[in-house]
Amino acid sequence: MFNGSGRLFRRREKLEPSQKFGRRLRAIFTSGKLDQAEWDELEATLLGADVGTNATRSILADMRERMSRKDEPVEALRATLLAALACEQTRDIELRKSADGTPRVLLIVGVNGAGKTTSVGKLAHLAVEEGAQVVIAAADTFRAAATEQVETWAKRAGAQLISGEPGGDPAAIAFDAVKSAKESGADLVLVDTAGRLHTKVDLMNELGKVRRVVEKGAAVDEILLVLDATTGQNGLTQAKVFGDAVALTGVILTKLDGSARGGIIIAIQQELGIPVKFVGLGEGIDDLAPFDAELFVEGILS
């Protein structure tokens, strides 16, 4: 499994935008008690951070219940946020091939500009650091510079790259990557799919085809949606549509270092039941960290 959650702690300074959200929350509780004005401010702060209407209601109800038990306000807030970030679907991502030698396969999907290919490169680097042998499938055959971009990341990460001709069949490239991983004994295949608008039905259906073809060679262990944290609630719409096309198992939330709307993490897990598995905290190859709810809450409230 990925063991780099400590990166989130070491990069707390890159959570500065989200820490502003945390400081606003803490400031509300300085009096030690909440009257209606403070409750209204708390609601406005949560909504302003893109926590979302339903999740905000749930958090307020939980806070009221904890406060009724005379819990210390900041501790009640910490416990409430941790509860809001809990997700039943959370599971570790295996990095080592299965006992029968079949590689693990991660399908990476998302809209254009979310940071998908960059995230693939950073994931490969993180896995290689953990001792895994990684193959990247350059399955974005639509964008002219896509293969060149992912080739650069593969070299930086120390991963093998399988690519095809421009305009080629993405599913065939993904299948070839799995075949190559089996032959070389690699542990992990990362499939970098083409960015697509969630409103384009034909392109969304293509993701289903990629998965079906890949599964002729190996099971798809994870389908991770890359979301840009700065898109706010629009990210939820994207996630719902992608989730209808392929069964998402998690989210990679990018550009968290540039967004004061860290509440979108809560919205994703509360509204969709999909865990945030990784967060992007910058441009560097090391600036991707497995998401850890406790470290995140501690980071924004510190």
C-alpha atoms as a PDB file:
ATOM      1  CA  MET A   1       0.000   0.000   0.000  1.00  0.00           C
ATOM      2  CA  PHE A   2       1.013   3.649  -0.335  1.00  0.00           C
ATOM      3  CA  ASN A   3       2.692   4.683   2.913  1.00  0.00           C
ATOM      4  CA  GLY A   4       3.364   8.336   2.162  1.00  0.00           C
ATOM      5  CA  SER A   5       0.672   9.976   4.286  1.00  0.00           C
ATOM      6  CA  GLY A   6       3.448  11.628   6.299  1.00  0.00           C
ATOM      7  CA  ARG A   7       3.980  13.841   3.264  1.00  0.00           C
ATOM      8  CA  LEU A   8       0.722  15.578   4.131  1.00  0.00           C
ATOM      9  CA  PHE A   9       2.093  16.421   7.581  1.00  0.00           C
ATOM     10  CA  ARG A  10       5.471  17.542   6.229  1.00  0.00           C
ATOM     11  CA  ARG A  11       3.746  19.834   3.731  1.00  0.00           C
ATOM     12  CA  ARG A  12       1.406  21.550   6.164  1.00  0.00           C
ATOM     13  CA  GLU A  13       2.549  24.928   4.861  1.00  0.00           C
ATOM     14  CA  LYS A  14       0.937  24.013   1.534  1.00  0.00           C
ATOM     15  CA  LEU A  15      -2.401  23.646   3.320  1.00  0.00           C
ATOM     16  CA  GLU A  16      -2.347  27.372   4.077  1.00  0.00           C
ATOM     17  CA  PRO A  17      -5.500  28.137   2.007  1.00  0.00           C
ATOM     18  CA  SER A  18      -7.380  25.354   3.821  1.00  0.00           C
ATOM     19  CA  GLN A  19      -5.934  26.522   7.137  1.00  0.00           C
ATOM     20  CA  LYS A  20      -7.678  29.853   6.595  1.00  0.00           C
ATOM     21  CA  PHE A  21     -10.922  27.883   6.545  1.00  0.00           C
ATOM     22  CA  GLY A  22      -9.874  26.137   9.759  1.00  0.00           C
ATOM     23  CA  ARG A  23      -8.943  29.390  11.462  1.00  0.00           C
ATOM     24  CA  ARG A  24     -12.348  30.875  10.627  1.00  0.00           C
ATOM     25  CA  LEU A  25     -13.965  27.832  12.205  1.00  0.00           C
ATOM     26  CA  ARG A  26     -11.824  28.077  15.337  1.00  0.00           C
ATOM     27  CA  ALA A  27     -12.530  31.804  15.698  1.00  0.00           C
ATOM     28  CA  ILE A  28     -16.250  31.106  15.963  1.00  0.00           C
ATOM     29  CA  PHE A  29     -15.661  29.057  19.102  1.00  0.00           C
ATOM     30  CA  THR A  30     -13.494  31.497  21.017  1.00  0.00           C
ATOM     31  CA  SER A  31     -16.358  32.449  23.360  1.00  0.00           C
ATOM     32  CA  GLY A  32     -16.784  28.841  24.459  1.00  0.00           C
ATOM     33  CA  LYS A  33     -20.488  28.895  23.673  1.00  0.00           C
ATOM     34  CA  LEU A  34     -22.628  29.340  20.601  1.00  0.00           C
ATOM     35  CA  ASP A  35     -25.620  31.607  20.240  1.00  0.00           C
ATOM     36  CA  GLN A  36     -27.644  31.881  17.048  1.00  0.00           C
ATOM     37  CA  ALA A  37     -25.235  34.387  15.516  1.00  0.00           C
ATOM     38  CA  GLU A  38     -22.341  31.946  15.894  1.00  0.00           C
ATOM     39  CA  TRP A  39     -24.387  29.068  14.483  1.00  0.00           C
ATOM     40  CA  ASP A  40     -25.284  31.231  11.487  1.00  0.00           C
ATOM     41  CA  GLU A  41     -21.627  32.175  11.003  1.00  0.00           C
ATOM     42  CA  LEU A  42     -20.590  28.528  11.236  1.00  0.00           C
ATOM     43  CA  GLU A  43     -23.124  27.593   8.568  1.00  0.00           C
ATOM     44  CA  ALA A  44     -21.963  30.405   6.291  1.00  0.00           C
ATOM     45  CA  THR A  45     -18.302  29.431   6.752  1.00  0.00           C
ATOM     46  CA  LEU A  46     -18.977  25.796   5.870  1.00  0.00           C
ATOM     47  CA  LEU A  47     -21.004  26.713   2.802  1.00  0.00           C
ATOM     48  CA  GLY A  48     -18.357  29.222   1.727  1.00  0.00           C
ATOM     49  CA  ALA A  49     -15.721  26.479   1.858  1.00  0.00           C
ATOM     50  CA  ASP A  50     -17.795  24.296  -0.509  1.00  0.00           C
ATOM     51  CA  VAL A  51     -18.783  21.770   2.121  1.00  0.00           C
ATOM     52  CA  GLY A  52     -22.199  21.673   0.455  1.00  0.00           C
ATOM     53  CA  THR A  53     -25.740  22.091   1.752  1.00  0.00           C
ATOM     54  CA  ASN A  54     -26.449  18.523   2.842  1.00  0.00           C
ATOM     55  CA  ALA A  55     -23.059  17.984   4.453  1.00  0.00           C
ATOM     56  CA  THR A  56     -23.319  21.351   6.232  1.00  0.00           C
ATOM     57  CA  ARG A  57     -26.666  20.363   7.733  1.00  0.00           C
ATOM     58  CA  SER A  58     -25.186  17.083   8.902  1.00  0.00           C
ATOM     59  CA  ILE A  59     -22.179  18.806  10.478  1.00  0.00           C
ATOM     60  CA  LEU A  60     -24.357  21.378  12.266  1.00  0.00           C
ATOM     61  CA  ALA A  61     -26.586  18.624  13.662  1.00  0.00           C
ATOM     62  CA  ASP A  62     -23.566  16.670  14.881  1.00  0.00           C
ATOM     63  CA  MET A  63     -22.063  19.789  16.449  1.00  0.00           C
ATOM     64  CA  ARG A  64     -25.296  20.624  18.263  1.00  0.00           C
ATOM     65  CA  GLU A  65     -25.469  17.089  19.640  1.00  0.00           C
ATOM     66  CA  ARG A  66     -21.857  17.191  20.852  1.00  0.00           C
ATOM     67  CA  MET A  67     -22.311  20.655  22.371  1.00  0.00           C
ATOM     68  CA  SER A  68     -25.405  19.452  24.207  1.00  0.00           C
ATOM     69  CA  ARG A  69     -23.122  16.956  25.958  1.00  0.00           C
ATOM     70  CA  LYS A  70     -20.955  19.878  27.120  1.00  0.00           C
ATOM     71  CA  ASP A  71     -18.059  18.865  24.870  1.00  0.00           C
ATOM     72  CA  GLU A  72     -15.300  21.463  24.576  1.00  0.00           C
ATOM     73  CA  PRO A  73     -16.126  23.398  21.378  1.00  0.00           C
ATOM     74  CA  VAL A  74     -12.863  22.985  19.441  1.00  0.00           C
ATOM     75  CA  GLU A  75     -12.655  19.296  20.343  1.00  0.00           C
ATOM     76  CA  ALA A  76     -16.281  18.912  19.282  1.00  0.00           C
ATOM     77  CA  LEU A  77     -15.389  20.551  15.977  1.00  0.00           C
ATOM     78  CA  ARG A  78     -12.404  18.255  15.483  1.00  0.00           C
ATOM     79  CA  ALA A  79     -14.493  15.154  16.200  1.00  0.00           C
ATOM     80  CA  THR A  80     -17.301  16.370  13.939  1.00  0.00           C
ATOM     81  CA  LEU A  81     -14.948  16.990  11.014  1.00  0.00           C
ATOM     82  CA  LEU A  82     -13.346  13.570  11.434  1.00  0.00           C
ATOM     83  CA  ALA A  83     -16.766  11.950  11.458  1.00  0.00           C
ATOM     84  CA  ALA A  84     -17.727  13.879   8.334  1.00  0.00           C
ATOM     85  CA  LEU A  85     -14.577  12.652   6.582  1.00  0.00           C
ATOM     86  CA  ALA A  86     -15.206   9.010   7.425  1.00  0.00           C
ATOM     87  CA  CYS A  87     -16.037   6.922   4.368  1.00  0.00           C
ATOM     88  CA  GLU A  88     -17.091   3.276   4.412  1.00  0.00           C
ATOM     89  CA  GLN A  89     -15.524   2.612   1.003  1.00  0.00           C
ATOM     90  CA  THR A  90     -12.023   3.612   2.103  1.00  0.00           C
ATOM     91  CA  ARG A  91      -9.497   0.847   1.523  1.00  0.00           C
ATOM     92  CA  ASP A  92      -5.763   0.675   0.972  1.00  0.00           C
ATOM     93  CA  ILE A  93      -4.428   0.560  -2.584  1.00  0.00           C
ATOM     94  CA  GLU A  94      -2.222  -2.486  -3.080  1.00  0.00           C
ATOM     95  CA  LEU A  95       1.090  -1.826  -4.809  1.00  0.00           C
ATOM     96  CA  ARG A  96       2.333  -5.380  -5.229  1.00  0.00           C
ATOM     97  CA  LYS A  97       1.090  -7.754  -7.909  1.00  0.00           C
ATOM     98  CA  SER A  98      -1.309 -10.460  -6.760  1.00  0.00           C
ATOM     99  CA  ALA A  99      -0.180 -13.947  -5.757  1.00  0.00           C
ATOM    100  CA  ASP A 100      -0.778 -15.289  -9.278  1.00  0.00           C
ATOM    101  CA  GLY A 101       1.515 -12.642 -10.759  1.00  0.00           C
ATOM    102  CA  THR A 102      -1.237 -10.412 -12.144  1.00  0.00           C
ATOM    103  CA  PRO A 103      -0.406  -6.706 -11.868  1.00  0.00           C
ATOM    104  CA  ARG A 104      -2.613  -4.254 -10.031  1.00  0.00           C
ATOM    105  CA  VAL A 105      -4.368  -1.865 -12.403  1.00  0.00           C
ATOM    106  CA  LEU A 106      -5.388   1.726 -11.653  1.00  0.00           C
ATOM    107  CA  LEU A 107      -7.548   3.540 -14.208  1.00  0.00           C
ATOM    108  CA  ILE A 108      -7.106   7.322 -13.912  1.00  0.00           C
ATOM    109  CA  VAL A 109      -9.951   9.463 -15.307  1.00  0.00           C
ATOM    110  CA  GLY A 110     -11.003  13.104 -15.288  1.00  0.00           C
ATOM    111  CA  VAL A 111     -11.787  16.238 -17.264  1.00  0.00           C
ATOM    112  CA  ASN A 112      -9.242  18.250 -19.226  1.00  0.00           C
ATOM    113  CA  GLY A 113      -7.035  20.456 -17.083  1.00  0.00           C
ATOM    114  CA  ALA A 114      -7.656  18.736 -13.747  1.00  0.00           C
ATOM    115  CA  GLY A 115      -4.053  17.540 -13.488  1.00  0.00           C
ATOM    116  CA  LYS A 116      -4.626  13.952 -14.549  1.00  0.00           C
ATOM    117  CA  THR A 117      -1.376  13.173 -16.369  1.00  0.00           C
ATOM    118  CA  THR A 118       0.617  15.020 -13.726  1.00  0.00           C
ATOM    119  CA  SER A 119      -1.098  12.932 -11.049  1.00  0.00           C
ATOM    120  CA  VAL A 120      -0.257   9.732 -12.934  1.00  0.00           C
ATOM    121  CA  GLY A 121       3.409  10.724 -12.939  1.00  0.00           C
ATOM    122  CA  LYS A 122       3.364  11.553  -9.249  1.00  0.00           C
ATOM    123  CA  LEU A 123       1.555   8.295  -8.416  1.00  0.00           C
ATOM    124  CA  ALA A 124       4.175   6.374 -10.377  1.00  0.00           C
ATOM    125  CA  HIS A 125       6.940   8.151  -8.452  1.00  0.00           C
ATOM    126  CA  LEU A 126       5.252   7.412  -5.125  1.00  0.00           C
ATOM    127  CA  ALA A 127       4.866   3.724  -6.041  1.00  0.00           C
ATOM    128  CA  VAL A 128       8.458   3.399  -7.277  1.00  0.00           C
ATOM    129  CA  GLU A 129       9.654   4.947  -4.014  1.00  0.00           C
ATOM    130  CA  GLU A 130       7.774   2.155  -2.222  1.00  0.00           C
ATOM    131  CA  GLY A 131       9.673  -0.425  -4.284  1.00  0.00           C
ATOM    132  CA  ALA A 132       7.025  -1.221  -6.888  1.00  0.00           C
ATOM    133  CA  GLN A 133       7.752  -1.802 -10.566  1.00  0.00           C
ATOM    134  CA  VAL A 134       5.394   0.452 -12.525  1.00  0.00           C
ATOM    135  CA  VAL A 135       4.077   0.527 -16.094  1.00  0.00           C
ATOM    136  CA  ILE A 136       2.222   3.577 -17.414  1.00  0.00           C
ATOM    137  CA  ALA A 137      -0.248   3.210 -20.284  1.00  0.00           C
ATOM    138  CA  ALA A 138      -0.358   6.383 -22.401  1.00  0.00           C
ATOM    139  CA  ALA A 139      -4.019   5.912 -23.317  1.00  0.00           C
ATOM    140  CA  ASP A 140      -4.638   9.579 -24.143  1.00  0.00           C
ATOM    141  CA  THR A 141      -4.323   9.365 -27.922  1.00  0.00           C
ATOM    142  CA  PHE A 142      -6.412  12.455 -28.683  1.00  0.00           C
ATOM    143  CA  ARG A 143      -4.248  15.275 -27.377  1.00  0.00           C
ATOM    144  CA  ALA A 144      -1.200  15.924 -29.536  1.00  0.00           C
ATOM    145  CA  ALA A 145       1.256  16.527 -26.691  1.00  0.00           C
ATOM    146  CA  ALA A 146      -0.205  13.954 -24.290  1.00  0.00           C
ATOM    147  CA  THR A 147       2.216  11.111 -24.999  1.00  0.00           C
ATOM    148  CA  GLU A 148       5.207  13.442 -24.810  1.00  0.00           C
ATOM    149  CA  GLN A 149       3.979  14.796 -21.486  1.00  0.00           C
ATOM    150  CA  VAL A 150       3.405  11.396 -19.900  1.00  0.00           C
ATOM    151  CA  GLU A 151       6.726  10.148 -21.320  1.00  0.00           C
ATOM    152  CA  THR A 152       8.501  12.940 -19.450  1.00  0.00           C
ATOM    153  CA  TRP A 153       6.740  11.984 -16.212  1.00  0.00           C
ATOM    154  CA  ALA A 154       7.480   8.272 -16.725  1.00  0.00           C
ATOM    155  CA  LYS A 155      11.193   9.003 -17.086  1.00  0.00           C
ATOM    156  CA  ARG A 156      11.187  11.200 -13.984  1.00  0.00           C
ATOM    157  CA  ALA A 157       9.366   8.539 -11.981  1.00  0.00           C
ATOM    158  CA  GLY A 158      11.419   5.588 -13.225  1.00  0.00           C
ATOM    159  CA  ALA A 159       8.409   3.844 -14.786  1.00  0.00           C
ATOM    160  CA  GLN A 160       8.046   1.950 -18.060  1.00  0.00           C
ATOM    161  CA  LEU A 161       5.827   3.586 -20.691  1.00  0.00           C
ATOM    162  CA  ILE A 162       3.572   1.824 -23.203  1.00  0.00           C
ATOM    163  CA  SER A 163       2.197   4.098 -25.918  1.00  0.00           C
ATOM    164  CA  GLY A 164       0.672   3.909 -29.405  1.00  0.00           C
ATOM    165  CA  GLU A 165       0.070   5.986 -32.475  1.00  0.00           C
ATOM    166  CA  PRO A 166      -1.763   9.336 -32.262  1.00  0.00           C
ATOM    167  CA  GLY A 167      -5.473   8.691 -32.687  1.00  0.00           C
ATOM    168  CA  GLY A 168      -5.021   5.031 -31.801  1.00  0.00           C
ATOM    169  CA  ASP A 169      -7.343   2.877 -29.725  1.00  0.00           C
ATOM    170  CA  PRO A 170      -6.934   3.787 -26.013  1.00  0.00           C
ATOM    171  CA  ALA A 171      -8.335   0.431 -24.903  1.00  0.00           C
ATOM    172  CA  ALA A 172      -5.776  -1.467 -26.982  1.00  0.00           C
ATOM    173  CA  ILE A 173      -2.917   0.568 -25.485  1.00  0.00           C
ATOM    174  CA  ALA A 174      -4.184  -0.096 -21.956  1.00  0.00           C
ATOM    175  CA  PHE A 175      -4.446  -3.812 -22.735  1.00  0.00           C
ATOM    176  CA  ASP A 176      -0.915  -3.847 -24.169  1.00  0.00           C
ATOM    177  CA  ALA A 177       0.350  -2.199 -20.985  1.00  0.00           C
ATOM    178  CA  VAL A 178      -1.199  -4.950 -18.871  1.00  0.00           C
ATOM    179  CA  LYS A 179       0.285  -7.591 -21.171  1.00  0.00           C
ATOM    180  CA  SER A 180       3.718  -5.967 -20.923  1.00  0.00           C
ATOM    181  CA  ALA A 181       3.444  -5.739 -17.128  1.00  0.00           C
ATOM    182  CA  LYS A 182       2.679  -9.450 -16.938  1.00  0.00           C
ATOM    183  CA  GLU A 183       5.652 -10.302 -19.134  1.00  0.00           C
ATOM    184  CA  SER A 184       8.076  -8.117 -17.185  1.00  0.00           C
ATOM    185  CA  GLY A 185       6.718  -9.023 -13.759  1.00  0.00           C
ATOM    186  CA  ALA A 186       5.679  -5.449 -12.979  1.00  0.00           C
ATOM    187  CA  ASP A 187       3.519  -4.758  -9.961  1.00  0.00           C
ATOM    188  CA  LEU A 188       1.360  -1.830 -11.027  1.00  0.00           C
ATOM    189  CA  VAL A 189      -0.209  -0.473 -14.220  1.00  0.00           C
ATOM    190  CA  LEU A 190      -1.376   3.149 -14.280  1.00  0.00           C
ATOM    191  CA  VAL A 191      -3.706   3.906 -17.195  1.00  0.00           C
ATOM    192  CA  ASP A 192      -3.642   7.583 -18.157  1.00  0.00           C
ATOM    193  CA  THR A 193      -6.900   8.123 -20.047  1.00  0.00           C
ATOM    194  CA  ALA A 194      -7.764  11.117 -22.207  1.00  0.00           C
ATOM    195  CA  GLY A 195      -9.322  14.072 -20.459  1.00  0.00           C
ATOM    196  CA  ARG A 196     -12.969  14.406 -21.358  1.00  0.00           C
ATOM    197  CA  LEU A 197     -15.878  16.689 -20.607  1.00  0.00           C
ATOM    198  CA  HIS A 198     -18.346  14.925 -18.347  1.00  0.00           C
ATOM    199  CA  THR A 199     -21.128  16.187 -20.646  1.00  0.00           C
ATOM    200  CA  LYS A 200     -19.864  14.179 -23.668  1.00  0.00           C
ATOM    201  CA  VAL A 201     -21.779  10.901 -23.542  1.00  0.00           C
ATOM    202  CA  ASP A 202     -19.766   9.097 -26.240  1.00  0.00           C
ATOM    203  CA  LEU A 203     -16.447   9.855 -24.551  1.00  0.00           C
ATOM    204  CA  MET A 204     -17.820   8.818 -21.183  1.00  0.00           C
ATOM    205  CA  ASN A 205     -18.977   5.518 -22.694  1.00  0.00           C
ATOM    206  CA  GLU A 206     -15.463   4.975 -24.019  1.00  0.00           C
ATOM    207  CA  LEU A 207     -14.202   4.700 -20.454  1.00  0.00           C
ATOM    208  CA  GLY A 208     -16.439   1.675 -19.998  1.00  0.00           C
ATOM    209  CA  LYS A 209     -14.868   0.121 -23.092  1.00  0.00           C
ATOM    210  CA  VAL A 210     -11.350   0.733 -21.781  1.00  0.00           C
ATOM    211  CA  ARG A 211     -12.235  -1.009 -18.556  1.00  0.00           C
ATOM    212  CA  ARG A 212     -13.850  -3.976 -20.283  1.00  0.00           C
ATOM    213  CA  VAL A 213     -10.856  -4.506 -22.580  1.00  0.00           C
ATOM    214  CA  VAL A 214      -8.325  -4.145 -19.751  1.00  0.00           C
ATOM    215  CA  GLU A 215     -10.205  -6.724 -17.697  1.00  0.00           C
ATOM    216  CA  LYS A 216      -9.556  -9.323 -20.381  1.00  0.00           C
ATOM    217  CA  GLY A 217      -6.004  -9.216 -19.081  1.00  0.00           C
ATOM    218  CA  ALA A 218      -6.321  -8.211 -15.434  1.00  0.00           C
ATOM    219  CA  ALA A 219      -8.897  -6.899 -12.998  1.00  0.00           C
ATOM    220  CA  VAL A 220      -9.130  -3.129 -12.620  1.00  0.00           C
ATOM    221  CA  ASP A 221      -8.404  -2.613  -8.932  1.00  0.00           C
ATOM    222  CA  GLU A 222      -9.121   1.110  -8.722  1.00  0.00           C
ATOM    223  CA  ILE A 223     -10.794   3.783 -10.847  1.00  0.00           C
ATOM    224  CA  LEU A 224      -9.623   7.135  -9.553  1.00  0.00           C
ATOM    225  CA  LEU A 225     -11.210  10.427 -10.600  1.00  0.00           C
ATOM    226  CA  VAL A 226      -8.887  13.439 -10.695  1.00  0.00           C
ATOM    227  CA  LEU A 227     -10.679  16.580  -9.517  1.00  0.00           C
ATOM    228  CA  ASP A 228      -9.399  20.140  -9.347  1.00  0.00           C
ATOM    229  CA  ALA A 229     -10.071  21.469  -5.818  1.00  0.00           C
ATOM    230  CA  THR A 230     -10.557  24.981  -7.172  1.00  0.00           C
ATOM    231  CA  THR A 231     -13.661  23.945  -9.170  1.00  0.00           C
ATOM    232  CA  GLY A 232     -15.699  23.632  -5.969  1.00  0.00           C
ATOM    233  CA  GLN A 233     -19.202  22.227  -6.237  1.00  0.00           C
ATOM    234  CA  ASN A 234     -18.815  21.683  -9.994  1.00  0.00           C
ATOM    235  CA  GLY A 235     -16.486  18.873  -9.013  1.00  0.00           C
ATOM    236  CA  LEU A 236     -19.422  17.039  -7.451  1.00  0.00           C
ATOM    237  CA  THR A 237     -21.297  17.213 -10.745  1.00  0.00           C
ATOM    238  CA  GLN A 238     -18.276  15.812 -12.560  1.00  0.00           C
ATOM    239  CA  ALA A 239     -17.946  12.996 -10.028  1.00  0.00           C
ATOM    240  CA  LYS A 240     -21.598  12.011 -10.340  1.00  0.00           C
ATOM    241  CA  VAL A 241     -21.407  11.750 -14.140  1.00  0.00           C
ATOM    242  CA  PHE A 242     -18.114   9.870 -14.146  1.00  0.00           C
ATOM    243  CA  GLY A 243     -19.525   7.587 -11.461  1.00  0.00           C
ATOM    244  CA  ASP A 244     -22.439   6.747 -13.728  1.00  0.00           C
ATOM    245  CA  ALA A 245     -20.036   5.783 -16.531  1.00  0.00           C
ATOM    246  CA  VAL A 246     -17.552   3.785 -14.455  1.00  0.00           C
ATOM    247  CA  ALA A 247     -17.688   2.667 -10.831  1.00  0.00           C
ATOM    248  CA  LEU A 248     -15.356   5.135  -9.144  1.00  0.00           C
ATOM    249  CA  THR A 249     -13.406   3.864  -6.149  1.00  0.00           C
ATOM    250  CA  GLY A 250     -11.738   7.103  -5.135  1.00  0.00           C
ATOM    251  CA  VAL A 251     -10.696  10.662  -5.894  1.00  0.00           C
ATOM    252  CA  ILE A 252      -7.359  12.385  -6.408  1.00  0.00           C
ATOM    253  CA  LEU A 253      -7.962  15.996  -5.382  1.00  0.00           C
ATOM    254  CA  THR A 254      -5.428  18.276  -7.060  1.00  0.00           C
ATOM    255  CA  LYS A 255      -4.434  21.899  -6.461  1.00  0.00           C
ATOM    256  CA  LEU A 256      -5.460  21.794  -2.805  1.00  0.00           C
ATOM    257  CA  ASP A 257      -2.532  24.108  -2.107  1.00  0.00           C
ATOM    258  CA  GLY A 258      -4.237  26.780  -4.232  1.00  0.00           C
ATOM    259  CA  SER A 259      -7.779  26.496  -2.889  1.00  0.00           C
ATOM    260  CA  ALA A 260      -9.395  27.959   0.205  1.00  0.00           C
ATOM    261  CA  ARG A 261     -12.293  25.558  -0.408  1.00  0.00           C
ATOM    262  CA  GLY A 262     -10.908  22.552   1.424  1.00  0.00           C
ATOM    263  CA  GLY A 263     -14.456  21.693   2.434  1.00  0.00           C
ATOM    264  CA  ILE A 264     -14.917  20.047  -0.960  1.00  0.00           C
ATOM    265  CA  ILE A 265     -13.198  16.986   0.546  1.00  0.00           C
ATOM    266  CA  ILE A 266     -16.074  16.678   3.010  1.00  0.00           C
ATOM    267  CA  ALA A 267     -18.649  17.229   0.269  1.00  0.00           C
ATOM    268  CA  ILE A 268     -17.173  14.484  -1.910  1.00  0.00           C
ATOM    269  CA  GLN A 269     -17.174  11.911   0.862  1.00  0.00           C
ATOM    270  CA  GLN A 270     -20.516  12.936   2.369  1.00  0.00           C
ATOM    271  CA  GLU A 271     -22.494  13.480  -0.824  1.00  0.00           C
ATOM    272  CA  LEU A 272     -21.038  10.725  -2.977  1.00  0.00           C
ATOM    273  CA  GLY A 273     -19.616   8.203  -0.539  1.00  0.00           C
ATOM    274  CA  ILE A 274     -16.375   8.194  -2.548  1.00  0.00           C
ATOM    275  CA  PRO A 275     -13.155   8.499  -0.547  1.00  0.00           C
ATOM    276  CA  VAL A 276     -10.502  11.084  -1.343  1.00  0.00           C
ATOM    277  CA  LYS A 277      -7.408   8.894  -1.635  1.00  0.00           C
ATOM    278  CA  PHE A 278      -4.730  11.391  -2.661  1.00  0.00           C
ATOM    279  CA  VAL A 279      -4.296  15.150  -2.546  1.00  0.00           C
ATOM    280  CA  GLY A 280      -2.075  17.270  -4.762  1.00  0.00           C
ATOM    281  CA  LEU A 281      -0.172  19.977  -2.909  1.00  0.00           C
ATOM    282  CA  GLY A 282       2.010  21.556  -5.570  1.00  0.00           C
ATOM    283  CA  GLU A 283       3.868  21.160  -8.857  1.00  0.00           C
ATOM    284  CA  GLY A 284       6.779  19.021  -7.648  1.00  0.00           C
ATOM    285  CA  ILE A 285       6.983  15.275  -8.215  1.00  0.00           C
ATOM    286  CA  ASP A 286       6.830  14.751  -4.429  1.00  0.00           C
ATOM    287  CA  ASP A 287       3.764  16.971  -4.028  1.00  0.00           C
ATOM    288  CA  LEU A 288       1.182  14.186  -3.972  1.00  0.00           C
ATOM    289  CA  ALA A 289       0.216  12.592  -0.678  1.00  0.00           C
ATOM    290  CA  PRO A 290      -2.138   9.804   0.377  1.00  0.00           C
ATOM    291  CA  PHE A 291      -5.033  11.529   2.101  1.00  0.00           C
ATOM    292  CA  ASP A 292      -5.195  11.083   5.858  1.00  0.00           C
ATOM    293  CA  ALA A 293      -8.285  12.564   7.535  1.00  0.00           C
ATOM    294  CA  GLU A 294      -6.670  12.968  10.954  1.00  0.00           C
ATOM    295  CA  LEU A 295      -3.601  14.721   9.554  1.00  0.00           C
ATOM    296  CA  PHE A 296      -5.794  16.944   7.373  1.00  0.00           C
ATOM    297  CA  VAL A 297      -8.040  18.029  10.252  1.00  0.00           C
ATOM    298  CA  GLU A 298      -5.033  18.564  12.505  1.00  0.00           C
ATOM    299  CA  GLY A 299      -3.381  20.567   9.720  1.00  0.00           C
ATOM    300  CA  ILE A 300      -6.271  22.953   9.084  1.00  0.00           C
ATOM    301  CA  LEU A 301      -7.076  23.477  12.769  1.00  0.00           C
ATOM    302  CA  SER A 302      -3.470  24.023  13.887  1.00  0.00           C
END
